[in-house]
Every structure is written in C-alpha cells, then in structure tokens.
PDB file of N, CA and C in Angstrom:
ATOM      1  N   MET A   1     -16.004  16.000  -2.364  1.00  0.00           N
ATOM      2  CA  MET A   1     -17.143  15.113  -2.333  1.00  0.00           C
ATOM      3  C   MET A   1     -17.232  14.298  -3.619  1.00  0.00           C
ATOM      4  N   ALA A   2     -17.276  13.007  -3.459  1.00  0.00           N
ATOM      5  CA  ALA A   2     -17.372  12.112  -4.608  1.00  0.00           C
ATOM      6  C   ALA A   2     -18.829  11.858  -4.940  1.00  0.00           C
ATOM      7  N   LYS A   3     -19.133  11.874  -6.231  1.00  0.00           N
ATOM      8  CA  LYS A   3     -20.509  11.602  -6.654  1.00  0.00           C
ATOM      9  C   LYS A   3     -20.710  10.096  -6.734  1.00  0.00           C
ATOM     10  N   LYS A   4     -21.863   9.654  -6.325  1.00  0.00           N
ATOM     11  CA  LYS A   4     -22.178   8.234  -6.425  1.00  0.00           C
ATOM     12  C   LYS A   4     -22.684   7.935  -7.838  1.00  0.00           C
ATOM     13  N   ALA A   5     -22.205   6.813  -8.376  1.00  0.00           N
ATOM     14  CA  ALA A   5     -22.647   6.404  -9.713  1.00  0.00           C
ATOM     15  C   ALA A   5     -24.079   5.910  -9.630  1.00  0.00           C
ATOM     16  N   ALA A   6     -24.889   6.344 -10.566  1.00  0.00           N
ATOM     17  CA  ALA A   6     -26.288   5.926 -10.576  1.00  0.00           C
ATOM     18  C   ALA A   6     -26.368   4.449 -10.934  1.00  0.00           C
ATOM     19  N   LYS A   7     -27.241   3.717 -10.235  1.00  0.00           N
ATOM     20  CA  LYS A   7     -27.401   2.293 -10.535  1.00  0.00           C
ATOM     21  C   LYS A   7     -28.130   2.139 -11.858  1.00  0.00           C
ATOM     22  N   LYS A   8     -27.589   1.254 -12.686  1.00  0.00           N
ATOM     23  CA  LYS A   8     -28.213   1.004 -13.983  1.00  0.00           C
ATOM     24  C   LYS A   8     -29.124  -0.201 -13.864  1.00  0.00           C
ATOM     25  N   LYS A   9     -30.232  -0.148 -14.575  1.00  0.00           N
ATOM     26  CA  LYS A   9     -31.142  -1.282 -14.580  1.00  0.00           C
ATOM     27  C   LYS A   9     -30.601  -2.336 -15.541  1.00  0.00           C
ATOM     28  N   ALA A  10     -30.835  -3.597 -15.204  1.00  0.00           N
ATOM     29  CA  ALA A  10     -30.407  -4.691 -16.074  1.00  0.00           C
ATOM     30  C   ALA A  10     -31.209  -4.632 -17.364  1.00  0.00           C
ATOM     31  N   ALA A  11     -30.565  -4.928 -18.466  1.00  0.00           N
ATOM     32  CA  ALA A  11     -31.246  -4.923 -19.762  1.00  0.00           C
ATOM     33  C   ALA A  11     -32.306  -6.012 -19.756  1.00  0.00           C
ATOM     34  N   PRO A  12     -33.477  -5.721 -20.316  1.00  0.00           N
ATOM     35  CA  PRO A  12     -34.534  -6.744 -20.324  1.00  0.00           C
ATOM     36  C   PRO A  12     -34.096  -7.936 -21.172  1.00  0.00           C
ATOM     37  N   LYS A  13     -34.431  -9.132 -20.674  1.00  0.00           N
ATOM     38  CA  LYS A  13     -34.048 -10.351 -21.393  1.00  0.00           C
ATOM     39  C   LYS A  13     -34.938 -10.516 -22.609  1.00  0.00           C
ATOM     40  N   LYS A  14     -34.290 -10.856 -23.726  1.00  0.00           N
ATOM     41  CA  LYS A  14     -35.033 -11.088 -24.957  1.00  0.00           C
ATOM     42  C   LYS A  14     -35.324 -12.577 -25.068  1.00  0.00           C
ATOM     43  N   ALA A  15     -36.444 -12.892 -25.649  1.00  0.00           N
ATOM     44  CA  ALA A  15     -36.803 -14.297 -25.834  1.00  0.00           C
ATOM     45  C   ALA A  15     -35.831 -14.923 -26.830  1.00  0.00           C
ATOM     46  N   ALA A  16     -35.341 -16.107 -26.488  1.00  0.00           N
ATOM     47  CA  ALA A  16     -34.393 -16.796 -27.364  1.00  0.00           C
ATOM     48  C   ALA A  16     -35.105 -17.212 -28.642  1.00  0.00           C
ATOM     49  N   LYS A  17     -34.465 -16.929 -29.776  1.00  0.00           N
ATOM     50  CA  LYS A  17     -35.056 -17.311 -31.056  1.00  0.00           C
ATOM     51  C   LYS A  17     -34.793 -18.788 -31.298  1.00  0.00           C
ATOM     52  N   LYS A  18     -35.804 -19.445 -31.823  1.00  0.00           N
ATOM     53  CA  LYS A  18     -35.629 -20.859 -32.149  1.00  0.00           C
ATOM     54  C   LYS A  18     -34.961 -20.955 -33.516  1.00  0.00           C
ATOM     55  N   ALA A  19     -34.060 -21.915 -33.647  1.00  0.00           N
ATOM     56  CA  ALA A  19     -33.345 -22.096 -34.906  1.00  0.00           C
ATOM     57  C   ALA A  19     -34.311 -22.582 -35.976  1.00  0.00           C
ATOM     58  N   ALA A  20     -34.205 -21.994 -37.139  1.00  0.00           N
ATOM     59  CA  ALA A  20     -35.053 -22.405 -38.248  1.00  0.00           C
ATOM     60  C   ALA A  20     -34.628 -23.799 -38.687  1.00  0.00           C
ATOM     61  N   PRO A  21     -35.579 -24.639 -39.068  1.00  0.00           N
ATOM     62  CA  PRO A  21     -35.192 -25.989 -39.501  1.00  0.00           C
ATOM     63  C   PRO A  21     -34.300 -25.889 -40.735  1.00  0.00           C
ATOM     64  N   LYS A  22     -33.195 -26.632 -40.696  1.00  0.00           N
ATOM     65  CA  LYS A  22     -32.232 -26.584 -41.798  1.00  0.00           C
ATOM     66  C   LYS A  22     -32.715 -27.457 -42.940  1.00  0.00           C
ATOM     67  N   LYS A  23     -32.461 -26.967 -44.135  1.00  0.00           N
ATOM     68  CA  LYS A  23     -32.814 -27.754 -45.312  1.00  0.00           C
ATOM     69  C   LYS A  23     -31.790 -28.864 -45.466  1.00  0.00           C
ATOM     70  N   ALA A  24     -32.207 -29.962 -46.017  1.00  0.00           N
ATOM     71  CA  ALA A  24     -31.292 -31.090 -46.208  1.00  0.00           C
ATOM     72  C   ALA A  24     -30.169 -30.656 -47.144  1.00  0.00           C
ATOM     73  N   ALA A  25     -28.958 -30.715 -46.633  1.00  0.00           N
ATOM     74  CA  ALA A  25     -27.807 -30.311 -47.437  1.00  0.00           C
ATOM     75  C   ALA A  25     -27.524 -31.381 -48.480  1.00  0.00           C
ATOM     76  N   LYS A  26     -27.060 -30.932 -49.634  1.00  0.00           N
ATOM     77  CA  LYS A  26     -26.710 -31.897 -50.676  1.00  0.00           C
ATOM     78  C   LYS A  26     -25.501 -32.684 -50.211  1.00  0.00           C
ATOM     79  N   LYS A  27     -25.568 -33.978 -50.392  1.00  0.00           N
ATOM     80  CA  LYS A  27     -24.434 -34.807 -49.983  1.00  0.00           C
ATOM     81  C   LYS A  27     -23.325 -34.651 -51.008  1.00  0.00           C
ATOM     82  N   LYS A  28     -22.128 -34.357 -50.497  1.00  0.00           N
ATOM     83  CA  LYS A  28     -20.981 -34.249 -51.389  1.00  0.00           C
ATOM     84  C   LYS A  28     -20.537 -35.657 -51.740  1.00  0.00           C
ATOM     85  N   SER A  29     -20.101 -35.824 -52.959  1.00  0.00           N
ATOM     86  CA  SER A  29     -19.617 -37.146 -53.342  1.00  0.00           C
ATOM     87  C   SER A  29     -18.347 -37.436 -52.547  1.00  0.00           C
ATOM     88  N   ALA A  30     -18.219 -38.636 -52.076  1.00  0.00           N
ATOM     89  CA  ALA A  30     -17.063 -39.015 -51.260  1.00  0.00           C
ATOM     90  C   ALA A  30     -15.798 -38.833 -52.082  1.00  0.00           C
ATOM     91  N   ARG A  31     -14.757 -38.315 -51.439  1.00  0.00           N
ATOM     92  CA  ARG A  31     -13.498 -38.092 -52.150  1.00  0.00           C
ATOM     93  C   ARG A  31     -12.914 -39.425 -52.570  1.00  0.00           C
ATOM     94  N   LYS A  32     -12.516 -39.485 -53.796  1.00  0.00           N
ATOM     95  CA  LYS A  32     -11.903 -40.712 -54.294  1.00  0.00           C
ATOM     96  C   LYS A  32     -10.398 -40.596 -54.098  1.00  0.00           C
ATOM     97  N   PRO A  33      -9.774 -41.580 -53.483  1.00  0.00           N
ATOM     98  CA  PRO A  33      -8.319 -41.507 -53.327  1.00  0.00           C
ATOM     99  C   PRO A  33      -7.635 -41.604 -54.685  1.00  0.00           C
ATOM    100  N   ASN A  34      -6.551 -40.881 -54.814  1.00  0.00           N
ATOM    101  CA  ASN A  34      -5.777 -40.902 -56.051  1.00  0.00           C
ATOM    102  C   ASN A  34      -5.070 -42.255 -56.134  1.00  0.00           C
ATOM    103  N   ALA A  35      -5.472 -43.066 -57.073  1.00  0.00           N
ATOM    104  CA  ALA A  35      -4.947 -44.431 -57.177  1.00  0.00           C
ATOM    105  C   ALA A  35      -3.432 -44.448 -57.384  1.00  0.00           C
ATOM    106  N   ALA A  36      -2.918 -43.508 -58.169  1.00  0.00           N
ATOM    107  CA  ALA A  36      -1.473 -43.472 -58.424  1.00  0.00           C
ATOM    108  C   ALA A  36      -0.714 -43.102 -57.153  1.00  0.00           C
ATOM    109  N   PHE A  37      -1.320 -42.240 -56.353  1.00  0.00           N
ATOM    110  CA  PHE A  37      -0.680 -41.785 -55.114  1.00  0.00           C
ATOM    111  C   PHE A  37      -0.604 -42.920 -54.089  1.00  0.00           C
ATOM    112  N   MET A  38      -1.594 -43.801 -54.110  1.00  0.00           N
ATOM    113  CA  MET A  38      -1.653 -44.888 -53.131  1.00  0.00           C
ATOM    114  C   MET A  38      -1.132 -46.217 -53.691  1.00  0.00           C
ATOM    115  N   ALA A  39      -0.532 -46.185 -54.853  1.00  0.00           N
ATOM    116  CA  ALA A  39      -0.016 -47.415 -55.462  1.00  0.00           C
ATOM    117  C   ALA A  39       1.125 -47.977 -54.619  1.00  0.00           C
ATOM    118  N   ALA A  40       1.114 -49.285 -54.436  1.00  0.00           N
ATOM    119  CA  ALA A  40       2.167 -49.934 -53.653  1.00  0.00           C
ATOM    120  C   ALA A  40       3.468 -49.944 -54.443  1.00  0.00           C
ATOM    121  N   LEU A  41       4.540 -49.525 -53.795  1.00  0.00           N
ATOM    122  CA  LEU A  41       5.858 -49.483 -54.418  1.00  0.00           C
ATOM    123  C   LEU A  41       6.771 -50.469 -53.702  1.00  0.00           C
ATOM    124  N   THR A  42       7.619 -51.129 -54.457  1.00  0.00           N
ATOM    125  CA  THR A  42       8.537 -52.102 -53.873  1.00  0.00           C
ATOM    126  C   THR A  42       9.825 -51.400 -53.464  1.00  0.00           C
ATOM    127  N   PRO A  43      10.179 -51.443 -52.178  1.00  0.00           N
ATOM    128  CA  PRO A  43      11.422 -50.793 -51.735  1.00  0.00           C
ATOM    129  C   PRO A  43      12.656 -51.594 -52.145  1.00  0.00           C
ATOM    130  N   SER A  44      13.764 -50.880 -52.344  1.00  0.00           N
ATOM    131  CA  SER A  44      15.039 -51.548 -52.640  1.00  0.00           C
ATOM    132  C   SER A  44      15.511 -52.265 -51.375  1.00  0.00           C
ATOM    133  N   ALA A  45      16.580 -53.042 -51.487  1.00  0.00           N
ATOM    134  CA  ALA A  45      17.109 -53.771 -50.325  1.00  0.00           C
ATOM    135  C   ALA A  45      17.548 -52.797 -49.234  1.00  0.00           C
ATOM    136  N   ALA A  46      18.178 -51.682 -49.626  1.00  0.00           N
ATOM    137  CA  ALA A  46      18.652 -50.694 -48.645  1.00  0.00           C
ATOM    138  C   ALA A  46      17.479 -50.051 -47.910  1.00  0.00           C
ATOM    139  N   LEU A  47      16.432 -49.697 -48.653  1.00  0.00           N
ATOM    140  CA  LEU A  47      15.244 -49.097 -48.034  1.00  0.00           C
ATOM    141  C   LEU A  47      14.474 -50.147 -47.245  1.00  0.00           C
ATOM    142  N   GLY A  48      14.473 -51.376 -47.740  1.00  0.00           N
ATOM    143  CA  GLY A  48      13.795 -52.472 -47.055  1.00  0.00           C
ATOM    144  C   GLY A  48      14.363 -52.739 -45.672  1.00  0.00           C
ATOM    145  N   ALA A  49      15.645 -52.427 -45.468  1.00  0.00           N
ATOM    146  CA  ALA A  49      16.266 -52.609 -44.153  1.00  0.00           C
ATOM    147  C   ALA A  49      15.650 -51.668 -43.119  1.00  0.00           C
ATOM    148  N   VAL A  50      15.075 -50.561 -43.581  1.00  0.00           N
ATOM    149  CA  VAL A  50      14.469 -49.579 -42.668  1.00  0.00           C
ATOM    150  C   VAL A  50      12.961 -49.777 -42.560  1.00  0.00           C
ATOM    151  N   VAL A  51      12.271 -49.957 -43.708  1.00  0.00           N
ATOM    152  CA  VAL A  51      10.804 -49.993 -43.701  1.00  0.00           C
ATOM    153  C   VAL A  51      10.208 -51.382 -43.892  1.00  0.00           C
ATOM    154  N   GLY A  52      11.016 -52.370 -44.181  1.00  0.00           N
ATOM    155  CA  GLY A  52      10.495 -53.704 -44.455  1.00  0.00           C
ATOM    156  C   GLY A  52      10.458 -53.935 -45.956  1.00  0.00           C
ATOM    157  N   SER A  53      10.392 -55.186 -46.359  1.00  0.00           N
ATOM    158  CA  SER A  53      10.514 -55.504 -47.787  1.00  0.00           C
ATOM    159  C   SER A  53       9.174 -55.570 -48.517  1.00  0.00           C
ATOM    160  N   LYS A  54       8.049 -55.480 -47.787  1.00  0.00           N
ATOM    161  CA  LYS A  54       6.741 -55.554 -48.439  1.00  0.00           C
ATOM    162  C   LYS A  54       6.466 -54.292 -49.251  1.00  0.00           C
ATOM    163  N   PRO A  55       5.765 -54.414 -50.394  1.00  0.00           N
ATOM    164  CA  PRO A  55       5.372 -53.225 -51.154  1.00  0.00           C
ATOM    165  C   PRO A  55       4.424 -52.346 -50.328  1.00  0.00           C
ATOM    166  N   LEU A  56       4.685 -51.040 -50.326  1.00  0.00           N
ATOM    167  CA  LEU A  56       3.890 -50.072 -49.557  1.00  0.00           C
ATOM    168  C   LEU A  56       3.647 -48.827 -50.401  1.00  0.00           C
ATOM    169  N   PRO A  57       2.565 -48.083 -50.116  1.00  0.00           N
ATOM    170  CA  PRO A  57       2.394 -46.782 -50.772  1.00  0.00           C
ATOM    171  C   PRO A  57       3.486 -45.819 -50.294  1.00  0.00           C
ATOM    172  N   ARG A  58       3.793 -44.830 -51.117  1.00  0.00           N
ATOM    173  CA  ARG A  58       4.844 -43.860 -50.786  1.00  0.00           C
ATOM    174  C   ARG A  58       4.577 -43.186 -49.432  1.00  0.00           C
ATOM    175  N   THR A  59       3.303 -42.904 -49.148  1.00  0.00           N
ATOM    176  CA  THR A  59       2.961 -42.246 -47.881  1.00  0.00           C
ATOM    177  C   THR A  59       3.386 -43.090 -46.684  1.00  0.00           C
ATOM    178  N   GLN A  60       3.157 -44.394 -46.775  1.00  0.00           N
ATOM    179  CA  GLN A  60       3.514 -45.288 -45.673  1.00  0.00           C
ATOM    180  C   GLN A  60       5.024 -45.461 -45.557  1.00  0.00           C
ATOM    181  N   ILE A  61       5.715 -45.432 -46.696  1.00  0.00           N
ATOM    182  CA  ILE A  61       7.179 -45.546 -46.671  1.00  0.00           C
ATOM    183  C   ILE A  61       7.769 -44.357 -45.917  1.00  0.00           C
ATOM    184  N   ILE A  62       7.316 -43.151 -46.255  1.00  0.00           N
ATOM    185  CA  ILE A  62       7.801 -41.935 -45.582  1.00  0.00           C
ATOM    186  C   ILE A  62       7.461 -41.994 -44.095  1.00  0.00           C
ATOM    187  N   LYS A  63       6.247 -42.441 -43.784  1.00  0.00           N
ATOM    188  CA  LYS A  63       5.815 -42.537 -42.386  1.00  0.00           C
ATOM    189  C   LYS A  63       6.715 -43.491 -41.603  1.00  0.00           C
ATOM    190  N   LYS A  64       7.040 -44.641 -42.192  1.00  0.00           N
ATOM    191  CA  LYS A  64       7.897 -45.619 -41.506  1.00  0.00           C
ATOM    192  C   LYS A  64       9.326 -45.104 -41.344  1.00  0.00           C
ATOM    193  N   ILE A  65       9.820 -44.358 -42.334  1.00  0.00           N
ATOM    194  CA  ILE A  65      11.158 -43.767 -42.205  1.00  0.00           C
ATOM    195  C   ILE A  65      11.164 -42.784 -41.040  1.00  0.00           C
ATOM    196  N   TRP A  66      10.110 -41.953 -40.927  1.00  0.00           N
ATOM    197  CA  TRP A  66      10.043 -40.994 -39.811  1.00  0.00           C
ATOM    198  C   TRP A  66       9.949 -41.714 -38.467  1.00  0.00           C
ATOM    199  N   GLU A  67       9.210 -42.823 -38.413  1.00  0.00           N
ATOM    200  CA  GLU A  67       9.145 -43.604 -37.169  1.00  0.00           C
ATOM    201  C   GLU A  67      10.541 -44.088 -36.789  1.00  0.00           C
ATOM    202  N   TYR A  68      11.294 -44.564 -37.780  1.00  0.00           N
ATOM    203  CA  TYR A  68      12.659 -45.046 -37.555  1.00  0.00           C
ATOM    204  C   TYR A  68      13.555 -43.905 -37.063  1.00  0.00           C
ATOM    205  N   ILE A  69      13.438 -42.736 -37.706  1.00  0.00           N
ATOM    206  CA  ILE A  69      14.254 -41.572 -37.332  1.00  0.00           C
ATOM    207  C   ILE A  69      13.954 -41.150 -35.896  1.00  0.00           C
ATOM    208  N   LYS A  70      12.667 -41.082 -35.553  1.00  0.00           N
ATOM    209  CA  LYS A  70      12.289 -40.645 -34.196  1.00  0.00           C
ATOM    210  C   LYS A  70      12.678 -41.687 -33.147  1.00  0.00           C
ATOM    211  N   LYS A  71      12.477 -42.979 -33.477  1.00  0.00           N
ATOM    212  CA  LYS A  71      12.798 -44.051 -32.527  1.00  0.00           C
ATOM    213  C   LYS A  71      14.283 -44.059 -32.195  1.00  0.00           C
ATOM    214  N   ASN A  72      15.117 -43.811 -33.209  1.00  0.00           N
ATOM    215  CA  ASN A  72      16.568 -43.829 -33.016  1.00  0.00           C
ATOM    216  C   ASN A  72      17.163 -42.446 -32.753  1.00  0.00           C
ATOM    217  N   LYS A  73      16.292 -41.446 -32.568  1.00  0.00           N
ATOM    218  CA  LYS A  73      16.711 -40.063 -32.254  1.00  0.00           C
ATOM    219  C   LYS A  73      17.752 -39.551 -33.248  1.00  0.00           C
ATOM    220  N   LEU A  74      17.420 -39.629 -34.520  1.00  0.00           N
ATOM    221  CA  LEU A  74      18.353 -39.228 -35.575  1.00  0.00           C
ATOM    222  C   LEU A  74      18.111 -37.809 -36.086  1.00  0.00           C
ATOM    223  N   GLN A  75      17.091 -37.136 -35.548  1.00  0.00           N
ATOM    224  CA  GLN A  75      16.865 -35.745 -35.928  1.00  0.00           C
ATOM    225  C   GLN A  75      17.896 -34.891 -35.205  1.00  0.00           C
ATOM    226  N   ASP A  76      18.500 -33.929 -35.910  1.00  0.00           N
ATOM    227  CA  ASP A  76      19.513 -33.064 -35.313  1.00  0.00           C
ATOM    228  C   ASP A  76      18.880 -32.270 -34.173  1.00  0.00           C
ATOM    229  N   SER A  77      19.568 -32.193 -33.027  1.00  0.00           N
ATOM    230  CA  SER A  77      18.983 -31.534 -31.859  1.00  0.00           C
ATOM    231  C   SER A  77      18.892 -30.019 -32.007  1.00  0.00           C
ATOM    232  N   LYS A  78      19.829 -29.407 -32.736  1.00  0.00           N
ATOM    233  CA  LYS A  78      19.812 -27.948 -32.898  1.00  0.00           C
ATOM    234  C   LYS A  78      18.944 -27.523 -34.078  1.00  0.00           C
ATOM    235  N   ASN A  79      19.113 -28.178 -35.209  1.00  0.00           N
ATOM    236  CA  ASN A  79      18.331 -27.861 -36.403  1.00  0.00           C
ATOM    237  C   ASN A  79      17.454 -29.070 -36.712  1.00  0.00           C
ATOM    238  N   ARG A  80      16.200 -29.032 -36.274  1.00  0.00           N
ATOM    239  CA  ARG A  80      15.301 -30.186 -36.373  1.00  0.00           C
ATOM    240  C   ARG A  80      14.963 -30.558 -37.822  1.00  0.00           C
ATOM    241  N   ARG A  81      15.310 -29.694 -38.774  1.00  0.00           N
ATOM    242  CA  ARG A  81      15.052 -30.013 -40.181  1.00  0.00           C
ATOM    243  C   ARG A  81      16.067 -30.996 -40.740  1.00  0.00           C
ATOM    244  N   MET A  82      17.164 -31.172 -40.041  1.00  0.00           N
ATOM    245  CA  MET A  82      18.226 -32.048 -40.535  1.00  0.00           C
ATOM    246  C   MET A  82      18.103 -33.445 -39.921  1.00  0.00           C
ATOM    247  N   ILE A  83      18.411 -34.447 -40.728  1.00  0.00           N
ATOM    248  CA  ILE A  83      18.354 -35.841 -40.284  1.00  0.00           C
ATOM    249  C   ILE A  83      19.772 -36.386 -40.316  1.00  0.00           C
ATOM    250  N   ASN A  84      20.240 -36.869 -39.174  1.00  0.00           N
ATOM    251  CA  ASN A  84      21.571 -37.475 -39.084  1.00  0.00           C
ATOM    252  C   ASN A  84      21.453 -38.938 -39.500  1.00  0.00           C
ATOM    253  N   ALA A  85      22.390 -39.406 -40.280  1.00  0.00           N
ATOM    254  CA  ALA A  85      22.331 -40.773 -40.797  1.00  0.00           C
ATOM    255  C   ALA A  85      23.064 -41.740 -39.877  1.00  0.00           C
ATOM    256  N   ASP A  86      22.411 -42.892 -39.615  1.00  0.00           N
ATOM    257  CA  ASP A  86      23.126 -43.994 -38.973  1.00  0.00           C
ATOM    258  C   ASP A  86      23.579 -44.906 -40.120  1.00  0.00           C
ATOM    259  N   GLU A  87      24.045 -46.099 -39.814  1.00  0.00           N
ATOM    260  CA  GLU A  87      24.591 -46.967 -40.868  1.00  0.00           C
ATOM    261  C   GLU A  87      23.536 -47.332 -41.921  1.00  0.00           C
ATOM    262  N   LYS A  88      22.300 -47.639 -41.486  1.00  0.00           N
ATOM    263  CA  LYS A  88      21.253 -48.017 -42.443  1.00  0.00           C
ATOM    264  C   LYS A  88      20.868 -46.837 -43.333  1.00  0.00           C
ATOM    265  N   LEU A  89      20.748 -45.658 -42.733  1.00  0.00           N
ATOM    266  CA  LEU A  89      20.328 -44.491 -43.510  1.00  0.00           C
ATOM    267  C   LEU A  89      21.446 -43.947 -44.391  1.00  0.00           C
ATOM    268  N   LYS A  90      22.689 -44.136 -43.979  1.00  0.00           N
ATOM    269  CA  LYS A  90      23.816 -43.631 -44.770  1.00  0.00           C
ATOM    270  C   LYS A  90      23.812 -44.282 -46.159  1.00  0.00           C
ATOM    271  N   VAL A  91      23.401 -45.560 -46.221  1.00  0.00           N
ATOM    272  CA  VAL A  91      23.306 -46.256 -47.507  1.00  0.00           C
ATOM    273  C   VAL A  91      22.224 -45.592 -48.368  1.00  0.00           C
ATOM    274  N   LEU A  92      21.099 -45.233 -47.742  1.00  0.00           N
ATOM    275  CA  LEU A  92      20.020 -44.558 -48.469  1.00  0.00           C
ATOM    276  C   LEU A  92      20.430 -43.161 -48.924  1.00  0.00           C
ATOM    277  N   PHE A  93      21.174 -42.464 -48.067  1.00  0.00           N
ATOM    278  CA  PHE A  93      21.535 -41.065 -48.324  1.00  0.00           C
ATOM    279  C   PHE A  93      22.780 -40.923 -49.197  1.00  0.00           C
ATOM    280  N   ASP A  94      23.163 -41.960 -49.912  1.00  0.00           N
ATOM    281  CA  ASP A  94      24.341 -41.945 -50.796  1.00  0.00           C
ATOM    282  C   ASP A  94      25.618 -41.574 -50.058  1.00  0.00           C
ATOM    283  N   GLY A  95      25.774 -42.070 -48.841  1.00  0.00           N
ATOM    284  CA  GLY A  95      27.000 -41.849 -48.072  1.00  0.00           C
ATOM    285  C   GLY A  95      27.048 -40.534 -47.309  1.00  0.00           C
ATOM    286  N   LYS A  96      26.019 -39.682 -47.445  1.00  0.00           N
ATOM    287  CA  LYS A  96      26.011 -38.407 -46.716  1.00  0.00           C
ATOM    288  C   LYS A  96      25.754 -38.663 -45.240  1.00  0.00           C
ATOM    289  N   LYS A  97      26.364 -37.839 -44.371  1.00  0.00           N
ATOM    290  CA  LYS A  97      26.161 -37.976 -42.928  1.00  0.00           C
ATOM    291  C   LYS A  97      24.860 -37.324 -42.486  1.00  0.00           C
ATOM    292  N   GLN A  98      24.381 -36.346 -43.270  1.00  0.00           N
ATOM    293  CA  GLN A  98      23.199 -35.597 -42.870  1.00  0.00           C
ATOM    294  C   GLN A  98      22.467 -35.093 -44.116  1.00  0.00           C
ATOM    295  N   ILE A  99      21.121 -35.139 -44.073  1.00  0.00           N
ATOM    296  CA  ILE A  99      20.336 -34.536 -45.156  1.00  0.00           C
ATOM    297  C   ILE A  99      19.205 -33.724 -44.539  1.00  0.00           C
ATOM    298  N   SER A 100      18.619 -32.864 -45.356  1.00  0.00           N
ATOM    299  CA  SER A 100      17.465 -32.072 -44.931  1.00  0.00           C
ATOM    300  C   SER A 100      16.212 -32.936 -45.060  1.00  0.00           C
ATOM    301  N   MET A 101      15.217 -32.673 -44.218  1.00  0.00           N
ATOM    302  CA  MET A 101      13.970 -33.441 -44.305  1.00  0.00           C
ATOM    303  C   MET A 101      13.289 -33.230 -45.657  1.00  0.00           C
ATOM    304  N   PHE A 102      13.592 -32.116 -46.310  1.00  0.00           N
ATOM    305  CA  PHE A 102      12.973 -31.838 -47.602  1.00  0.00           C
ATOM    306  C   PHE A 102      13.590 -32.682 -48.719  1.00  0.00           C
ATOM    307  N   GLU A 103      14.762 -33.231 -48.486  1.00  0.00           N
ATOM    308  CA  GLU A 103      15.409 -34.106 -49.465  1.00  0.00           C
ATOM    309  C   GLU A 103      14.931 -35.550 -49.323  1.00  0.00           C
ATOM    310  N   LEU A 104      14.210 -35.845 -48.266  1.00  0.00           N
ATOM    311  CA  LEU A 104      13.821 -37.219 -47.958  1.00  0.00           C
ATOM    312  C   LEU A 104      13.008 -37.856 -49.088  1.00  0.00           C
ATOM    313  N   ALA A 105      12.044 -37.133 -49.638  1.00  0.00           N
ATOM    314  CA  ALA A 105      11.211 -37.685 -50.714  1.00  0.00           C
ATOM    315  C   ALA A 105      12.053 -37.999 -51.947  1.00  0.00           C
ATOM    316  N   LYS A 106      13.029 -37.148 -52.236  1.00  0.00           N
ATOM    317  CA  LYS A 106      13.909 -37.364 -53.391  1.00  0.00           C
ATOM    318  C   LYS A 106      14.753 -38.620 -53.185  1.00  0.00           C
ATOM    319  N   VAL A 107      15.224 -38.821 -51.962  1.00  0.00           N
ATOM    320  CA  VAL A 107      16.035 -39.997 -51.635  1.00  0.00           C
ATOM    321  C   VAL A 107      15.189 -41.266 -51.752  1.00  0.00           C
ATOM    322  N   VAL A 108      13.962 -41.207 -51.232  1.00  0.00           N
ATOM    323  CA  VAL A 108      13.071 -42.368 -51.281  1.00  0.00           C
ATOM    324  C   VAL A 108      12.763 -42.723 -52.734  1.00  0.00           C
ATOM    325  N   ASN A 109      12.590 -41.715 -53.565  1.00  0.00           N
ATOM    326  CA  ASN A 109      12.257 -41.929 -54.972  1.00  0.00           C
ATOM    327  C   ASN A 109      13.297 -42.790 -55.684  1.00  0.00           C
ATOM    328  N   LYS A 110      14.557 -42.661 -55.294  1.00  0.00           N
ATOM    329  CA  LYS A 110      15.633 -43.442 -55.915  1.00  0.00           C
ATOM    330  C   LYS A 110      15.576 -44.914 -55.511  1.00  0.00           C
ATOM    331  N   HIS A 111      14.910 -45.206 -54.392  1.00  0.00           N
ATOM    332  CA  HIS A 111      14.944 -46.559 -53.830  1.00  0.00           C
ATOM    333  C   HIS A 111      13.615 -47.307 -53.915  1.00  0.00           C
ATOM    334  N   VAL A 112      12.706 -46.866 -54.793  1.00  0.00           N
ATOM    335  CA  VAL A 112      11.437 -47.590 -54.967  1.00  0.00           C
ATOM    336  C   VAL A 112      11.190 -47.858 -56.445  1.00  0.00           C
ATOM    337  N   LYS A 113      10.402 -48.899 -56.698  1.00  0.00           N
ATOM    338  CA  LYS A 113      10.021 -49.240 -58.082  1.00  0.00           C
ATOM    339  C   LYS A 113       8.516 -49.188 -58.197  1.00  0.00           C
TER     340      LYS A 113
END
C-alpha cells in the first residue's frame, strides 16, 4: 500500500516592497581620451597601400588592416592567430610570408610617423 502525499498549502503571498527612492548619484567626470593615443599618424607608402594615405590614429590603422585581412581571407584557416601575407602585406611584413597577430602592432610601428 502506497501512502498518499499530504497536500501542502501554498505559501501566503507577501506584499511587494516598494523601492526606496534613490539618492542622486554623483556624476562621474567624463573620461578624457588620451590625446597621444588618438594622435593622427602618417602611414608610409607601403602601409598607405593597405589603409590609405591620410593620417589616422593607430587604432584606426589597426582596424583598417584587420578589415583588409578579413576581406581578403588572409587569416590562416588552421591557426587563426597567424596572418598570411599577400603582395601588399609582404612589403609591410619585411618579406615574411606569415606573422602572428601579436606582431602586427610592432610591424605597424615601423611604418608610421
């Protein structure tokens, strides 16, 4: 003979507490961009062939190089950290056929003023 489980009563509903009015938070001063970090740099002729010849901040130069790499499918299919060089990039990479993505900033540094 199986015993029947006793029915449990539903827990009484508690009144929802109203949120206390929040005190006006102190406004944080707006972050100031690092002027040196956003300074426009002039690309060399070799780098200009990939990103354009206009002066750009380093962040935008790296971004445009990645757009070029992705558009031309130059990322290695097996090891995504490696970038395969086409003719334009081979000039930037000092003749190397492949570099690591971590070397990219060092390579860009040689080609900007």
